[in-house]
Amino acid sequence: MDEELIARIDKKLDAIVRLLAVGQIGGKNKTEAIMMLGALGLDPNIIAEIVDTTTGTVHARLSEARKRKAKGKKAIKKVESYE
């Protein structure tokens, strides 16, 4: 395939991903939307565009979620060790 055709296909696929993502976040606040789209593996730049925020905000929210998840796992392990 030539470069132009690949670029056109990539652009169309990107549009489809964005449309599907917007459909998934209906009714959610920005933080919830960021978390959902991040869990789906979307790039933070794309998430920022879809949610209408900055890439920095997306990175911060995803980082906070990873920290909360890690703390939750540690707390569960501690509780299980006392049983």
Protein backbone atom coordinates (compact mmCIF):
# COMPACT_ATOMS: atom_id res chain seq x y z
CA MET A 1 0.00 0.00 0.00
CA ASP A 2 1.15 3.50 -0.62
CA GLU A 3 1.63 6.10 2.10
CA GLU A 4 -1.38 8.20 1.05
CA LEU A 5 -3.77 5.26 1.28
CA ILE A 6 -2.43 4.26 4.70
CA ALA A 7 -2.83 7.85 5.94
CA ARG A 8 -6.46 7.97 4.73
CA ILE A 9 -7.27 4.64 6.38
CA ASP A 10 -5.61 5.77 9.61
CA LYS A 11 -7.61 8.99 9.62
CA LYS A 12 -10.89 7.12 9.16
CA LEU A 13 -10.07 4.60 11.87
CA ASP A 14 -9.17 7.44 14.23
CA ALA A 15 -12.57 9.04 13.58
CA ILE A 16 -14.34 5.75 14.31
CA VAL A 17 -12.45 5.32 17.59
CA ARG A 18 -13.39 8.85 18.65
CA LEU A 19 -17.06 8.35 17.81
CA LEU A 20 -17.21 5.09 19.74
CA ALA A 21 -15.42 6.67 22.70
CA VAL A 22 -17.82 9.61 22.82
CA GLY A 23 -20.72 7.15 22.82
CA GLN A 24 -19.26 5.33 25.83
CA ILE A 25 -18.86 8.40 28.03
CA GLY A 26 -22.35 9.86 27.72
CA GLY A 27 -23.61 11.14 31.08
CA LYS A 28 -20.28 10.75 32.86
CA ASN A 29 -18.30 13.58 34.42
CA LYS A 30 -14.82 14.34 33.10
CA THR A 31 -12.98 12.26 35.69
CA GLU A 32 -15.19 9.22 35.11
CA ALA A 33 -14.80 9.62 31.35
CA ILE A 34 -11.02 9.87 31.65
CA MET A 35 -10.92 6.74 33.80
CA MET A 36 -13.10 4.76 31.39
CA LEU A 37 -11.20 5.81 28.28
CA GLY A 38 -7.88 5.19 30.00
CA ALA A 39 -9.02 1.70 30.95
CA LEU A 40 -9.81 1.11 27.28
CA GLY A 41 -6.20 1.94 26.49
CA LEU A 42 -6.71 5.16 24.58
CA ASP A 43 -3.80 7.55 24.26
CA PRO A 44 -3.92 10.45 26.76
CA ASN A 45 -3.81 12.97 23.89
CA ILE A 46 -6.93 11.46 22.35
CA ILE A 47 -8.65 11.28 25.73
CA ALA A 48 -7.91 14.97 26.32
CA GLU A 49 -9.48 15.91 23.00
CA ILE A 50 -12.58 13.78 23.57
CA VAL A 51 -13.15 15.00 27.14
CA ASP A 52 -12.17 18.58 26.29
CA THR A 53 -9.40 18.96 28.82
CA THR A 54 -5.61 19.08 28.84
CA THR A 55 -3.25 16.16 28.41
CA GLY A 56 -1.75 17.07 31.79
CA THR A 57 -5.13 16.64 33.47
CA VAL A 58 -5.56 13.24 31.83
CA HIS A 59 -2.11 12.11 32.99
CA ALA A 60 -2.83 13.33 36.53
CA ARG A 61 -6.21 11.56 36.78
CA LEU A 62 -4.82 8.29 35.41
CA SER A 63 -1.85 8.49 37.78
CA GLU A 64 -4.15 9.10 40.76
CA ALA A 65 -6.23 6.09 39.76
CA ARG A 66 -3.16 3.84 39.54
CA LYS A 67 -2.07 4.98 43.01
CA ARG A 68 -5.53 4.32 44.49
CA LYS A 69 -5.61 0.90 42.87
CA ALA A 70 -2.17 0.02 44.26
CA LYS A 71 -3.17 1.15 47.77
CA GLY A 72 -6.34 -0.90 47.55
CA LYS A 73 -4.40 -4.04 46.68
CA LYS A 74 -2.00 -3.51 49.60
CA ALA A 75 -4.90 -3.03 52.01
CA ILE A 76 -6.54 -6.24 50.81
CA LYS A 77 -3.32 -8.20 51.28
CA LYS A 78 -2.99 -6.90 54.85
CA VAL A 79 -6.54 -7.91 55.71
CA GLU A 80 -6.06 -11.38 54.23
CA SER A 81 -2.88 -11.92 56.25
CA TYR A 82 -4.78 -11.44 59.54
CA GLU A 83 -7.27 -14.19 58.78
